[in-house]
PDB file of N, CA and C in Angstrom:
ATOM      1  N   UNK A   1      87.871 116.986  93.150  1.00  0.00           N
ATOM      2  CA  UNK A   1      88.446 116.130  94.158  1.00  0.00           C
ATOM      3  C   UNK A   1      87.691 114.806  94.224  1.00  0.00           C
ATOM      4  N   UNK A   2      86.562 114.759  94.893  1.00  0.00           N
ATOM      5  CA  UNK A   2      85.753 113.556  94.978  1.00  0.00           C
ATOM      6  C   UNK A   2      84.390 113.839  94.382  1.00  0.00           C
ATOM      7  N   UNK A   3      83.867 112.860  93.688  1.00  0.00           N
ATOM      8  CA  UNK A   3      82.530 112.997  93.115  1.00  0.00           C
ATOM      9  C   UNK A   3      81.549 112.152  93.927  1.00  0.00           C
ATOM     10  N   UNK A   4      80.290 112.405  93.705  1.00  0.00           N
ATOM     11  CA  UNK A   4      79.241 111.658  94.389  1.00  0.00           C
ATOM     12  C   UNK A   4      79.322 110.167  94.036  1.00  0.00           C
ATOM     13  N   UNK A   5      79.581 109.886  92.779  1.00  0.00           N
ATOM     14  CA  UNK A   5      79.684 108.485  92.358  1.00  0.00           C
ATOM     15  C   UNK A   5      80.848 107.757  93.013  1.00  0.00           C
ATOM     16  N   UNK A   6      81.961 108.455  93.182  1.00  0.00           N
ATOM     17  CA  UNK A   6      83.127 107.848  93.820  1.00  0.00           C
ATOM     18  C   UNK A   6      82.821 107.505  95.279  1.00  0.00           C
ATOM     19  N   UNK A   7      82.201 108.418  95.981  1.00  0.00           N
ATOM     20  CA  UNK A   7      81.843 108.165  97.383  1.00  0.00           C
ATOM     21  C   UNK A   7      80.797 107.062  97.496  1.00  0.00           C
ATOM     22  N   UNK A   8      79.847 107.065  96.572  1.00  0.00           N
ATOM     23  CA  UNK A   8      78.805 106.036  96.566  1.00  0.00           C
ATOM     24  C   UNK A   8      79.410 104.650  96.340  1.00  0.00           C
ATOM     25  N   UNK A   9      80.433 104.584  95.472  1.00  0.00           N
ATOM     26  CA  UNK A   9      81.101 103.325  95.195  1.00  0.00           C
ATOM     27  C   UNK A   9      81.775 102.789  96.465  1.00  0.00           C
ATOM     28  N   UNK A  10      82.474 103.657  97.208  1.00  0.00           N
ATOM     29  CA  UNK A  10      83.117 103.228  98.449  1.00  0.00           C
ATOM     30  C   UNK A  10      82.081 102.788  99.483  1.00  0.00           C
ATOM     31  N   UNK A  11      80.994 103.546  99.583  1.00  0.00           N
ATOM     32  CA  UNK A  11      79.935 103.228 100.546  1.00  0.00           C
ATOM     33  C   UNK A  11      79.334 101.856 100.249  1.00  0.00           C
ATOM     34  N   UNK A  12      78.975 101.628  98.990  1.00  0.00           N
ATOM     35  CA  UNK A  12      78.325 100.361  98.644  1.00  0.00           C
ATOM     36  C   UNK A  12      79.292  99.186  98.758  1.00  0.00           C
ATOM     37  N   UNK A  13      80.546  99.378  98.410  1.00  0.00           N
ATOM     38  CA  UNK A  13      81.535  98.303  98.539  1.00  0.00           C
ATOM     39  C   UNK A  13      81.710  97.918 100.005  1.00  0.00           C
ATOM     40  N   UNK A  14      81.816  98.914 100.876  1.00  0.00           N
ATOM     41  CA  UNK A  14      81.984  98.630 102.307  1.00  0.00           C
ATOM     42  C   UNK A  14      80.724  98.000 102.888  1.00  0.00           C
ATOM     43  N   UNK A  15      79.574  98.414 102.425  1.00  0.00           N
ATOM     44  CA  UNK A  15      78.318  97.847 102.905  1.00  0.00           C
ATOM     45  C   UNK A  15      78.176  96.389 102.455  1.00  0.00           C
ATOM     46  N   UNK A  16      78.513  96.108 101.199  1.00  0.00           N
ATOM     47  CA  UNK A  16      78.428  94.738 100.688  1.00  0.00           C
ATOM     48  C   UNK A  16      79.380  93.796 101.413  1.00  0.00           C
ATOM     49  N   UNK A  17      80.579  94.282 101.722  1.00  0.00           N
ATOM     50  CA  UNK A  17      81.578  93.427 102.374  1.00  0.00           C
ATOM     51  C   UNK A  17      81.372  93.356 103.891  1.00  0.00           C
ATOM     52  N   UNK A  18      80.450  94.154 104.427  1.00  0.00           N
ATOM     53  CA  UNK A  18      80.128  94.084 105.848  1.00  0.00           C
ATOM     54  C   UNK A  18      81.121  94.772 106.755  1.00  0.00           C
ATOM     55  N   UNK A  19      81.840  95.769 106.252  1.00  0.00           N
ATOM     56  CA  UNK A  19      82.824  96.455 107.081  1.00  0.00           C
ATOM     57  C   UNK A  19      82.450  97.903 107.372  1.00  0.00           C
ATOM     58  N   UNK A  20      81.368  98.385 106.806  1.00  0.00           N
ATOM     59  CA  UNK A  20      81.006  99.794 106.960  1.00  0.00           C
ATOM     60  C   UNK A  20      80.774 100.157 108.420  1.00  0.00           C
ATOM     61  N   UNK A  21      80.011  99.338 109.124  1.00  0.00           N
ATOM     62  CA  UNK A  21      79.663  99.665 110.504  1.00  0.00           C
ATOM     63  C   UNK A  21      80.771  99.298 111.479  1.00  0.00           C
ATOM     64  N   UNK A  22      81.645  98.390 111.108  1.00  0.00           N
ATOM     65  CA  UNK A  22      82.753  98.021 111.987  1.00  0.00           C
ATOM     66  C   UNK A  22      83.937  98.958 111.868  1.00  0.00           C
ATOM     67  N   UNK A  23      84.164  99.469 110.660  1.00  0.00           N
ATOM     68  CA  UNK A  23      85.349 100.293 110.422  1.00  0.00           C
ATOM     69  C   UNK A  23      85.115 101.761 110.758  1.00  0.00           C
ATOM     70  N   UNK A  24      83.892 102.220 110.608  1.00  0.00           N
ATOM     71  CA  UNK A  24      83.605 103.640 110.830  1.00  0.00           C
ATOM     72  C   UNK A  24      82.641 103.807 111.985  1.00  0.00           C
ATOM     73  N   UNK A  25      82.882 104.820 112.792  1.00  0.00           N
ATOM     74  CA  UNK A  25      81.933 105.131 113.851  1.00  0.00           C
ATOM     75  C   UNK A  25      80.770 105.923 113.248  1.00  0.00           C
ATOM     76  N   UNK A  26      79.779 106.213 114.069  1.00  0.00           N
ATOM     77  CA  UNK A  26      78.564 106.868 113.580  1.00  0.00           C
ATOM     78  C   UNK A  26      78.860 108.250 112.998  1.00  0.00           C
ATOM     79  N   UNK A  27      79.786 108.970 113.593  1.00  0.00           N
ATOM     80  CA  UNK A  27      80.119 110.307 113.111  1.00  0.00           C
ATOM     81  C   UNK A  27      80.729 110.251 111.703  1.00  0.00           C
ATOM     82  N   UNK A  28      81.667 109.339 111.498  1.00  0.00           N
ATOM     83  CA  UNK A  28      82.303 109.229 110.189  1.00  0.00           C
ATOM     84  C   UNK A  28      81.327 108.734 109.128  1.00  0.00           C
ATOM     85  N   UNK A  29      80.471 107.768 109.485  1.00  0.00           N
ATOM     86  CA  UNK A  29      79.454 107.305 108.539  1.00  0.00           C
ATOM     87  C   UNK A  29      78.513 108.439 108.173  1.00  0.00           C
ATOM     88  N   UNK A  30      78.111 109.225 109.169  1.00  0.00           N
ATOM     89  CA  UNK A  30      77.218 110.347 108.907  1.00  0.00           C
ATOM     90  C   UNK A  30      77.870 111.397 108.028  1.00  0.00           C
ATOM     91  N   UNK A  31      79.130 111.669 108.275  1.00  0.00           N
ATOM     92  CA  UNK A  31      79.849 112.656 107.471  1.00  0.00           C
ATOM     93  C   UNK A  31      79.986 112.191 106.033  1.00  0.00           C
ATOM     94  N   UNK A  32      80.322 110.913 105.852  1.00  0.00           N
ATOM     95  CA  UNK A  32      80.446 110.367 104.499  1.00  0.00           C
ATOM     96  C   UNK A  32      79.102 110.360 103.789  1.00  0.00           C
ATOM     97  N   UNK A  33      78.051 109.976 104.499  1.00  0.00           N
ATOM     98  CA  UNK A  33      76.715 109.943 103.920  1.00  0.00           C
ATOM     99  C   UNK A  33      76.258 111.343 103.537  1.00  0.00           C
ATOM    100  N   UNK A  34      76.497 112.302 104.406  1.00  0.00           N
ATOM    101  CA  UNK A  34      76.095 113.675 104.123  1.00  0.00           C
ATOM    102  C   UNK A  34      76.854 114.234 102.920  1.00  0.00           C
ATOM    103  N   UNK A  35      78.156 113.983 102.866  1.00  0.00           N
ATOM    104  CA  UNK A  35      78.951 114.460 101.730  1.00  0.00           C
ATOM    105  C   UNK A  35      78.487 113.798 100.439  1.00  0.00           C
ATOM    106  N   UNK A  36      78.118 112.534 100.529  1.00  0.00           N
ATOM    107  CA  UNK A  36      77.669 111.799  99.350  1.00  0.00           C
ATOM    108  C   UNK A  36      76.329 112.336  98.850  1.00  0.00           C
ATOM    109  N   UNK A  37      75.465 112.729  99.748  1.00  0.00           N
ATOM    110  CA  UNK A  37      74.136 113.200  99.363  1.00  0.00           C
ATOM    111  C   UNK A  37      74.097 114.691  99.033  1.00  0.00           C
ATOM    112  N   UNK A  38      74.939 115.480  99.676  1.00  0.00           N
ATOM    113  CA  UNK A  38      74.829 116.928  99.549  1.00  0.00           C
ATOM    114  C   UNK A  38      75.631 117.517  98.393  1.00  0.00           C
ATOM    115  N   UNK A  39      76.715 116.869  97.999  1.00  0.00           N
ATOM    116  CA  UNK A  39      77.602 117.462  96.994  1.00  0.00           C
ATOM    117  C   UNK A  39      77.694 116.586  95.757  1.00  0.00           C
ATOM    118  N   UNK A  40      77.734 117.237  94.599  1.00  0.00           N
ATOM    119  CA  UNK A  40      78.057 116.504  93.372  1.00  0.00           C
ATOM    120  C   UNK A  40      79.568 116.302  93.287  1.00  0.00           C
ATOM    121  N   UNK A  41      80.305 117.353  93.588  1.00  0.00           N
ATOM    122  CA  UNK A  41      81.767 117.308  93.621  1.00  0.00           C
ATOM    123  C   UNK A  41      82.225 118.053  94.870  1.00  0.00           C
ATOM    124  N   UNK A  42      83.112 117.441  95.636  1.00  0.00           N
ATOM    125  CA  UNK A  42      83.641 118.091  96.834  1.00  0.00           C
ATOM    126  C   UNK A  42      84.840 118.924  96.405  1.00  0.00           C
ATOM    127  N   UNK A  43      84.747 120.219  96.615  1.00  0.00           N
ATOM    128  CA  UNK A  43      85.824 121.128  96.228  1.00  0.00           C
ATOM    129  C   UNK A  43      86.576 121.694  97.426  1.00  0.00           C
ATOM    130  N   UNK A  44      85.980 121.611  98.587  1.00  0.00           N
ATOM    131  CA  UNK A  44      86.599 122.151  99.798  1.00  0.00           C
ATOM    132  C   UNK A  44      87.783 121.293 100.227  1.00  0.00           C
ATOM    133  N   UNK A  45      88.886 121.925 100.504  1.00  0.00           N
ATOM    134  CA  UNK A  45      90.085 121.208 100.939  1.00  0.00           C
ATOM    135  C   UNK A  45      89.868 120.593 102.322  1.00  0.00           C
ATOM    136  N   UNK A  46      89.200 121.317 103.209  1.00  0.00           N
ATOM    137  CA  UNK A  46      88.964 120.810 104.566  1.00  0.00           C
ATOM    138  C   UNK A  46      88.059 119.581 104.556  1.00  0.00           C
ATOM    139  N   UNK A  47      86.988 119.647 103.794  1.00  0.00           N
ATOM    140  CA  UNK A  47      86.090 118.497 103.683  1.00  0.00           C
ATOM    141  C   UNK A  47      86.823 117.347 102.994  1.00  0.00           C
ATOM    142  N   UNK A  48      87.634 117.659 102.010  1.00  0.00           N
ATOM    143  CA  UNK A  48      88.400 116.638 101.305  1.00  0.00           C
ATOM    144  C   UNK A  48      89.356 115.898 102.230  1.00  0.00           C
ATOM    145  N   UNK A  49      89.995 116.613 103.144  1.00  0.00           N
ATOM    146  CA  UNK A  49      90.898 115.969 104.110  1.00  0.00           C
ATOM    147  C   UNK A  49      90.150 114.986 104.999  1.00  0.00           C
ATOM    148  N   UNK A  50      88.973 115.384 105.434  1.00  0.00           N
ATOM    149  CA  UNK A  50      88.172 114.500 106.287  1.00  0.00           C
ATOM    150  C   UNK A  50      87.745 113.265 105.502  1.00  0.00           C
ATOM    151  N   UNK A  51      87.328 113.456 104.270  1.00  0.00           N
ATOM    152  CA  UNK A  51      86.898 112.340 103.433  1.00  0.00           C
ATOM    153  C   UNK A  51      88.077 111.403 103.144  1.00  0.00           C
ATOM    154  N   UNK A  52      89.253 111.952 102.917  1.00  0.00           N
ATOM    155  CA  UNK A  52      90.438 111.124 102.670  1.00  0.00           C
ATOM    156  C   UNK A  52      90.722 110.248 103.887  1.00  0.00           C
ATOM    157  N   UNK A  53      90.620 110.825 105.073  1.00  0.00           N
ATOM    158  CA  UNK A  53      90.853 110.054 106.304  1.00  0.00           C
ATOM    159  C   UNK A  53      89.836 108.926 106.441  1.00  0.00           C
ATOM    160  N   UNK A  54      88.583 109.225 106.132  1.00  0.00           N
ATOM    161  CA  UNK A  54      87.527 108.213 106.235  1.00  0.00           C
ATOM    162  C   UNK A  54      87.737 107.116 105.201  1.00  0.00           C
ATOM    163  N   UNK A  55      88.054 107.496 103.954  1.00  0.00           N
ATOM    164  CA  UNK A  55      88.249 106.503 102.903  1.00  0.00           C
ATOM    165  C   UNK A  55      89.491 105.654 103.151  1.00  0.00           C
ATOM    166  N   UNK A  56      90.503 106.223 103.801  1.00  0.00           N
ATOM    167  CA  UNK A  56      91.688 105.429 104.141  1.00  0.00           C
ATOM    168  C   UNK A  56      91.328 104.342 105.148  1.00  0.00           C
ATOM    169  N   UNK A  57      90.474 104.672 106.103  1.00  0.00           N
ATOM    170  CA  UNK A  57      90.033 103.657 107.057  1.00  0.00           C
ATOM    171  C   UNK A  57      89.206 102.578 106.373  1.00  0.00           C
ATOM    172  N   UNK A  58      88.356 102.966 105.425  1.00  0.00           N
ATOM    173  CA  UNK A  58      87.578 101.985 104.682  1.00  0.00           C
ATOM    174  C   UNK A  58      88.488 101.099 103.830  1.00  0.00           C
ATOM    175  N   UNK A  59      89.484 101.700 103.191  1.00  0.00           N
ATOM    176  CA  UNK A  59      90.412 100.940 102.354  1.00  0.00           C
ATOM    177  C   UNK A  59      91.130  99.881 103.179  1.00  0.00           C
ATOM    178  N   UNK A  60      91.587 100.268 104.364  1.00  0.00           N
ATOM    179  CA  UNK A  60      92.279  99.309 105.223  1.00  0.00           C
ATOM    180  C   UNK A  60      91.346  98.197 105.694  1.00  0.00           C
ATOM    181  N   UNK A  61      90.106  98.548 105.957  1.00  0.00           N
ATOM    182  CA  UNK A  61      89.140  97.543 106.413  1.00  0.00           C
ATOM    183  C   UNK A  61      88.745  96.597 105.294  1.00  0.00           C
ATOM    184  N   UNK A  62      88.794  97.048 104.061  1.00  0.00           N
ATOM    185  CA  UNK A  62      88.398  96.212 102.926  1.00  0.00           C
ATOM    186  C   UNK A  62      89.490  95.244 102.490  1.00  0.00           C
ATOM    187  N   UNK A  63      90.697  95.422 102.996  1.00  0.00           N
ATOM    188  CA  UNK A  63      91.775  94.505 102.637  1.00  0.00           C
ATOM    189  C   UNK A  63      91.495  93.135 103.231  1.00  0.00           C
ATOM    190  N   UNK A  64      91.832  92.121 102.481  1.00  0.00           N
ATOM    191  CA  UNK A  64      91.667  90.764 102.959  1.00  0.00           C
ATOM    192  C   UNK A  64      92.774  90.367 103.925  1.00  0.00           C
ATOM    193  N   UNK A  65      92.585  89.235 104.564  1.00  0.00           N
ATOM    194  CA  UNK A  65      93.560  88.750 105.533  1.00  0.00           C
ATOM    195  C   UNK A  65      94.896  88.452 104.867  1.00  0.00           C
ATOM    196  N   UNK A  66      94.868  87.883 103.667  1.00  0.00           N
ATOM    197  CA  UNK A  66      96.118  87.557 102.978  1.00  0.00           C
ATOM    198  C   UNK A  66      96.893  88.827 102.629  1.00  0.00           C
ATOM    199  N   UNK A  67      96.207  89.856 102.169  1.00  0.00           N
ATOM    200  CA  UNK A  67      96.882  91.106 101.814  1.00  0.00           C
ATOM    201  C   UNK A  67      97.520  91.730 103.049  1.00  0.00           C
ATOM    202  N   UNK A  68      96.817  91.702 104.168  1.00  0.00           N
ATOM    203  CA  UNK A  68      97.396  92.222 105.405  1.00  0.00           C
ATOM    204  C   UNK A  68      98.645  91.444 105.804  1.00  0.00           C
ATOM    205  N   UNK A  69      98.580  90.138 105.617  1.00  0.00           N
ATOM    206  CA  UNK A  69      99.724  89.300 105.976  1.00  0.00           C
ATOM    207  C   UNK A  69     100.912  89.567 105.064  1.00  0.00           C
ATOM    208  N   UNK A  70     100.647  89.780 103.773  1.00  0.00           N
ATOM    209  CA  UNK A  70     101.731  90.107 102.841  1.00  0.00           C
ATOM    210  C   UNK A  70     102.372  91.429 103.241  1.00  0.00           C
ATOM    211  N   UNK A  71     101.574  92.406 103.625  1.00  0.00           N
ATOM    212  CA  UNK A  71     102.104  93.719 103.989  1.00  0.00           C
ATOM    213  C   UNK A  71     102.880  93.702 105.301  1.00  0.00           C
ATOM    214  N   UNK A  72     102.568  92.780 106.192  1.00  0.00           N
ATOM    215  CA  UNK A  72     103.284  92.732 107.465  1.00  0.00           C
ATOM    216  C   UNK A  72     104.400  91.693 107.407  1.00  0.00           C
ATOM    217  N   UNK A  73     104.024  90.411 107.416  1.00  0.00           N
ATOM    218  CA  UNK A  73     105.015  89.350 107.457  1.00  0.00           C
ATOM    219  C   UNK A  73     105.859  89.321 106.183  1.00  0.00           C
ATOM    220  N   UNK A  74     105.235  89.331 105.029  1.00  0.00           N
ATOM    221  CA  UNK A  74     105.962  89.188 103.775  1.00  0.00           C
ATOM    222  C   UNK A  74     106.953  90.307 103.527  1.00  0.00           C
ATOM    223  N   UNK A  75     106.578  91.526 103.827  1.00  0.00           N
ATOM    224  CA  UNK A  75     107.474  92.660 103.612  1.00  0.00           C
ATOM    225  C   UNK A  75     108.684  92.584 104.537  1.00  0.00           C
ATOM    226  N   UNK A  76     108.458  92.232 105.797  1.00  0.00           N
ATOM    227  CA  UNK A  76     109.575  92.110 106.740  1.00  0.00           C
ATOM    228  C   UNK A  76     110.501  90.965 106.352  1.00  0.00           C
ATOM    229  N   UNK A  77     109.913  89.848 105.963  1.00  0.00           N
ATOM    230  CA  UNK A  77     110.724  88.683 105.579  1.00  0.00           C
ATOM    231  C   UNK A  77     111.523  88.973 104.309  1.00  0.00           C
ATOM    232  N   UNK A  78     110.937  89.719 103.375  1.00  0.00           N
ATOM    233  CA  UNK A  78     111.639  90.073 102.144  1.00  0.00           C
ATOM    234  C   UNK A  78     112.865  90.933 102.453  1.00  0.00           C
ATOM    235  N   UNK A  79     112.751  91.828 103.412  1.00  0.00           N
ATOM    236  CA  UNK A  79     113.908  92.641 103.809  1.00  0.00           C
ATOM    237  C   UNK A  79     115.024  91.771 104.372  1.00  0.00           C
ATOM    238  N   UNK A  80     114.647  90.796 105.201  1.00  0.00           N
ATOM    239  CA  UNK A  80     115.642  89.921 105.816  1.00  0.00           C
ATOM    240  C   UNK A  80     116.342  89.071 104.758  1.00  0.00           C
ATOM    241  N   UNK A  81     115.564  88.444 103.879  1.00  0.00           N
ATOM    242  CA  UNK A  81     116.138  87.591 102.842  1.00  0.00           C
ATOM    243  C   UNK A  81     116.993  88.415 101.891  1.00  0.00           C
ATOM    244  N   UNK A  82     116.547  89.606 101.570  1.00  0.00           N
ATOM    245  CA  UNK A  82     117.325  90.492 100.708  1.00  0.00           C
ATOM    246  C   UNK A  82     118.665  90.846 101.338  1.00  0.00           C
ATOM    247  N   UNK A  83     118.659  91.144 102.628  1.00  0.00           N
ATOM    248  CA  UNK A  83     119.925  91.479 103.292  1.00  0.00           C
ATOM    249  C   UNK A  83     120.854  90.272 103.347  1.00  0.00           C
ATOM    250  N   UNK A  84     120.303  89.058 103.523  1.00  0.00           N
ATOM    251  CA  UNK A  84     121.135  87.857 103.476  1.00  0.00           C
ATOM    252  C   UNK A  84     121.807  87.723 102.116  1.00  0.00           C
ATOM    253  N   UNK A  85     121.022  87.879 101.054  1.00  0.00           N
ATOM    254  CA  UNK A  85     121.556  87.705  99.704  1.00  0.00           C
ATOM    255  C   UNK A  85     122.615  88.758  99.382  1.00  0.00           C
ATOM    256  N   UNK A  86     122.407  89.977  99.837  1.00  0.00           N
ATOM    257  CA  UNK A  86     123.414  91.024  99.617  1.00  0.00           C
ATOM    258  C   UNK A  86     124.685  90.675 100.385  1.00  0.00           C
ATOM    259  N   UNK A  87     124.543  90.135 101.578  1.00  0.00           N
ATOM    260  CA  UNK A  87     125.691  89.717 102.368  1.00  0.00           C
ATOM    261  C   UNK A  87     126.462  88.579 101.725  1.00  0.00           C
ATOM    262  N   UNK A  88     125.769  87.756 100.942  1.00  0.00           N
ATOM    263  CA  UNK A  88     126.419  86.646 100.251  1.00  0.00           C
ATOM    264  C   UNK A  88     127.031  87.080  98.921  1.00  0.00           C
ATOM    265  N   UNK A  89     126.890  88.379  98.588  1.00  0.00           N
ATOM    266  CA  UNK A  89     127.541  88.891  97.393  1.00  0.00           C
ATOM    267  C   UNK A  89     126.636  89.061  96.183  1.00  0.00           C
ATOM    268  N   UNK A  90     125.332  88.898  96.334  1.00  0.00           N
ATOM    269  CA  UNK A  90     124.409  89.071  95.204  1.00  0.00           C
ATOM    270  C   UNK A  90     123.938  90.527  95.201  1.00  0.00           C
ATOM    271  N   UNK A  91     124.570  91.355  94.384  1.00  0.00           N
ATOM    272  CA  UNK A  91     124.279  92.788  94.382  1.00  0.00           C
ATOM    273  C   UNK A  91     122.879  93.135  93.917  1.00  0.00           C
ATOM    274  N   UNK A  92     122.290  92.314  93.065  1.00  0.00           N
ATOM    275  CA  UNK A  92     120.950  92.600  92.557  1.00  0.00           C
ATOM    276  C   UNK A  92     119.842  92.319  93.548  1.00  0.00           C
ATOM    277  N   UNK A  93     120.199  91.774  94.695  1.00  0.00           N
ATOM    278  CA  UNK A  93     119.185  91.402  95.684  1.00  0.00           C
ATOM    279  C   UNK A  93     118.683  92.580  96.495  1.00  0.00           C
ATOM    280  N   UNK A  94     119.276  93.747  96.335  1.00  0.00           N
ATOM    281  CA  UNK A  94     118.830  94.911  97.108  1.00  0.00           C
ATOM    282  C   UNK A  94     117.381  95.281  96.790  1.00  0.00           C
ATOM    283  N   UNK A  95     116.975  95.076  95.558  1.00  0.00           N
ATOM    284  CA  UNK A  95     115.614  95.427  95.148  1.00  0.00           C
ATOM    285  C   UNK A  95     114.564  94.433  95.586  1.00  0.00           C
ATOM    286  N   UNK A  96     114.967  93.260  96.058  1.00  0.00           N
ATOM    287  CA  UNK A  96     113.999  92.250  96.474  1.00  0.00           C
ATOM    288  C   UNK A  96     113.129  92.740  97.626  1.00  0.00           C
ATOM    289  N   UNK A  97     113.690  93.564  98.476  1.00  0.00           N
ATOM    290  CA  UNK A  97     112.951  94.026  99.659  1.00  0.00           C
ATOM    291  C   UNK A  97     111.764  94.900  99.281  1.00  0.00           C
ATOM    292  N   UNK A  98     111.784  95.489  98.097  1.00  0.00           N
ATOM    293  CA  UNK A  98     110.698  96.381  97.679  1.00  0.00           C
ATOM    294  C   UNK A  98     109.708  95.726  96.712  1.00  0.00           C
ATOM    295  N   UNK A  99     109.965  94.486  96.332  1.00  0.00           N
ATOM    296  CA  UNK A  99     109.094  93.813  95.368  1.00  0.00           C
ATOM    297  C   UNK A  99     107.917  93.154  96.078  1.00  0.00           C
ATOM    298  N   UNK A 100     106.724  93.524  95.664  1.00  0.00           N
ATOM    299  CA  UNK A 100     105.523  92.958  96.282  1.00  0.00           C
ATOM    300  C   UNK A 100     105.359  91.486  95.921  1.00  0.00           C
ATOM    301  N   UNK A 101     105.770  91.126  94.724  1.00  0.00           N
ATOM    302  CA  UNK A 101     105.661  89.726  94.310  1.00  0.00           C
ATOM    303  C   UNK A 101     106.512  88.809  95.159  1.00  0.00           C
ATOM    304  N   UNK A 102     107.702  89.272  95.516  1.00  0.00           N
ATOM    305  CA  UNK A 102     108.584  88.475  96.368  1.00  0.00           C
ATOM    306  C   UNK A 102     108.000  88.350  97.770  1.00  0.00           C
ATOM    307  N   UNK A 103     107.443  89.435  98.294  1.00  0.00           N
ATOM    308  CA  UNK A 103     106.800  89.391  99.612  1.00  0.00           C
ATOM    309  C   UNK A 103     105.602  88.443  99.582  1.00  0.00           C
ATOM    310  N   UNK A 104     104.852  88.461  98.495  1.00  0.00           N
ATOM    311  CA  UNK A 104     103.709  87.556  98.354  1.00  0.00           C
ATOM    312  C   UNK A 104     104.186  86.105  98.322  1.00  0.00           C
ATOM    313  N   UNK A 105     105.269  85.850  97.588  1.00  0.00           N
ATOM    314  CA  UNK A 105     105.835  84.511  97.492  1.00  0.00           C
ATOM    315  C   UNK A 105     106.271  84.000  98.868  1.00  0.00           C
ATOM    316  N   UNK A 106     106.970  84.830  99.624  1.00  0.00           N
ATOM    317  CA  UNK A 106     107.431  84.418 100.952  1.00  0.00           C
ATOM    318  C   UNK A 106     106.254  84.175 101.902  1.00  0.00           C
ATOM    319  N   UNK A 107     105.200  84.951 101.756  1.00  0.00           N
ATOM    320  CA  UNK A 107     104.015  84.747 102.584  1.00  0.00           C
ATOM    321  C   UNK A 107     103.345  83.429 102.258  1.00  0.00           C
ATOM    322  N   UNK A 108     103.264  83.094 100.979  1.00  0.00           N
ATOM    323  CA  UNK A 108     102.668  81.817 100.576  1.00  0.00           C
ATOM    324  C   UNK A 108     103.502  80.652 101.099  1.00  0.00           C
ATOM    325  N   UNK A 109     104.830  80.782 101.032  1.00  0.00           N
ATOM    326  CA  UNK A 109     105.686  79.731 101.587  1.00  0.00           C
ATOM    327  C   UNK A 109     105.415  79.528 103.072  1.00  0.00           C
ATOM    328  N   UNK A 110     105.228  80.620 103.794  1.00  0.00           N
ATOM    329  CA  UNK A 110     104.958  80.522 105.233  1.00  0.00           C
ATOM    330  C   UNK A 110     103.588  79.898 105.504  1.00  0.00           C
ATOM    331  N   UNK A 111     102.594  80.266 104.715  1.00  0.00           N
ATOM    332  CA  UNK A 111     101.246  79.743 104.936  1.00  0.00           C
ATOM    333  C   UNK A 111     101.160  78.243 104.683  1.00  0.00           C
ATOM    334  N   UNK A 112     101.904  77.747 103.694  1.00  0.00           N
ATOM    335  CA  UNK A 112     101.809  76.350 103.325  1.00  0.00           C
ATOM    336  C   UNK A 112     102.947  75.500 103.883  1.00  0.00           C
ATOM    337  N   UNK A 113     103.753  76.039 104.763  1.00  0.00           N
ATOM    338  CA  UNK A 113     104.815  75.265 105.397  1.00  0.00           C
ATOM    339  C   UNK A 113     104.199  74.309 106.402  1.00  0.00           C
ATOM    340  N   UNK A 114     104.671  73.061 106.430  1.00  0.00           N
ATOM    341  CA  UNK A 114     104.150  72.118 107.422  1.00  0.00           C
ATOM    342  C   UNK A 114     104.459  72.620 108.831  1.00  0.00           C
ATOM    343  N   UNK A 115     103.550  72.381 109.749  1.00  0.00           N
ATOM    344  CA  UNK A 115     103.762  72.864 111.110  1.00  0.00           C
ATOM    345  C   UNK A 115     104.930  72.109 111.737  1.00  0.00           C
ATOM    346  N   UNK A 116     105.723  72.836 112.493  1.00  0.00           N
ATOM    347  CA  UNK A 116     106.883  72.261 113.137  1.00  0.00           C
ATOM    348  C   UNK A 116     108.168  72.445 112.369  1.00  0.00           C
ATOM    349  N   UNK A 117     108.072  72.877 111.113  1.00  0.00           N
ATOM    350  CA  UNK A 117     109.278  73.085 110.306  1.00  0.00           C
ATOM    351  C   UNK A 117     109.817  74.481 110.588  1.00  0.00           C
ATOM    352  N   UNK A 118     111.096  74.633 110.569  1.00  0.00           N
ATOM    353  CA  UNK A 118     111.713  75.945 110.723  1.00  0.00           C
ATOM    354  C   UNK A 118     111.705  76.453 112.146  1.00  0.00           C
ATOM    355  N   UNK A 119     111.470  75.576 113.097  1.00  0.00           N
ATOM    356  CA  UNK A 119     111.430  76.002 114.482  1.00  0.00           C
ATOM    357  C   UNK A 119     112.814  76.033 115.057  1.00  0.00           C
TER     358      UNK A 119
END
């Protein structure tokens, strides 16, 4: 399931980026540290579930501001634009709502739009 090196990599990445203490409480940090030091490979399903929950919180904390914005604003905007295009008769536009590149593009357009436009 998880190896010591894999857990160590997550720990050091979160520590370097300065999110380890903000994203995890003392209990979760202690659990991750103990699992990292005590086991070479985690085989227990119960311990694995706890580690997955902790690593998911670290993963979310390690995301940058732009990635968060693409996942929120860009994804929603892509759905709207896709539905407009389908309504205008473009059948291939249904897949636009699921494309990350299109969501990223729409987010960049929003970030660099002059203020006051589109109001």
